[in-house]
Amino acid sequence: MDDLEVRMIRLQKQVEKADATERLRLQPQVARVVATMTSRGRAVPAHMRRINHTLMEEAQDDMFDNMPV
């Protein structure tokens, strides 16, 4: 197991335990790990793709929640 896999597992555990604010803070880190794995030609596990997708949606929703009407 290399450093990238260790980071991926650690982030997954942090996301699972995190509240909404912490999940928003972790989103860029998860996206970076997924992007790094992809750029290195490594397969990104389906659960990490789902976590990344969900966090990106949550970040987008949060951005629109704070927009004035």
Foldseek 3Di string as FASTA:
>chain_A
DDPLVVQQVVLVVCCVPDDLVVLLVSQVVLVVSVVVCVVVVHDDDPVSVVSNVVSVVSNVVVVVVPDDD
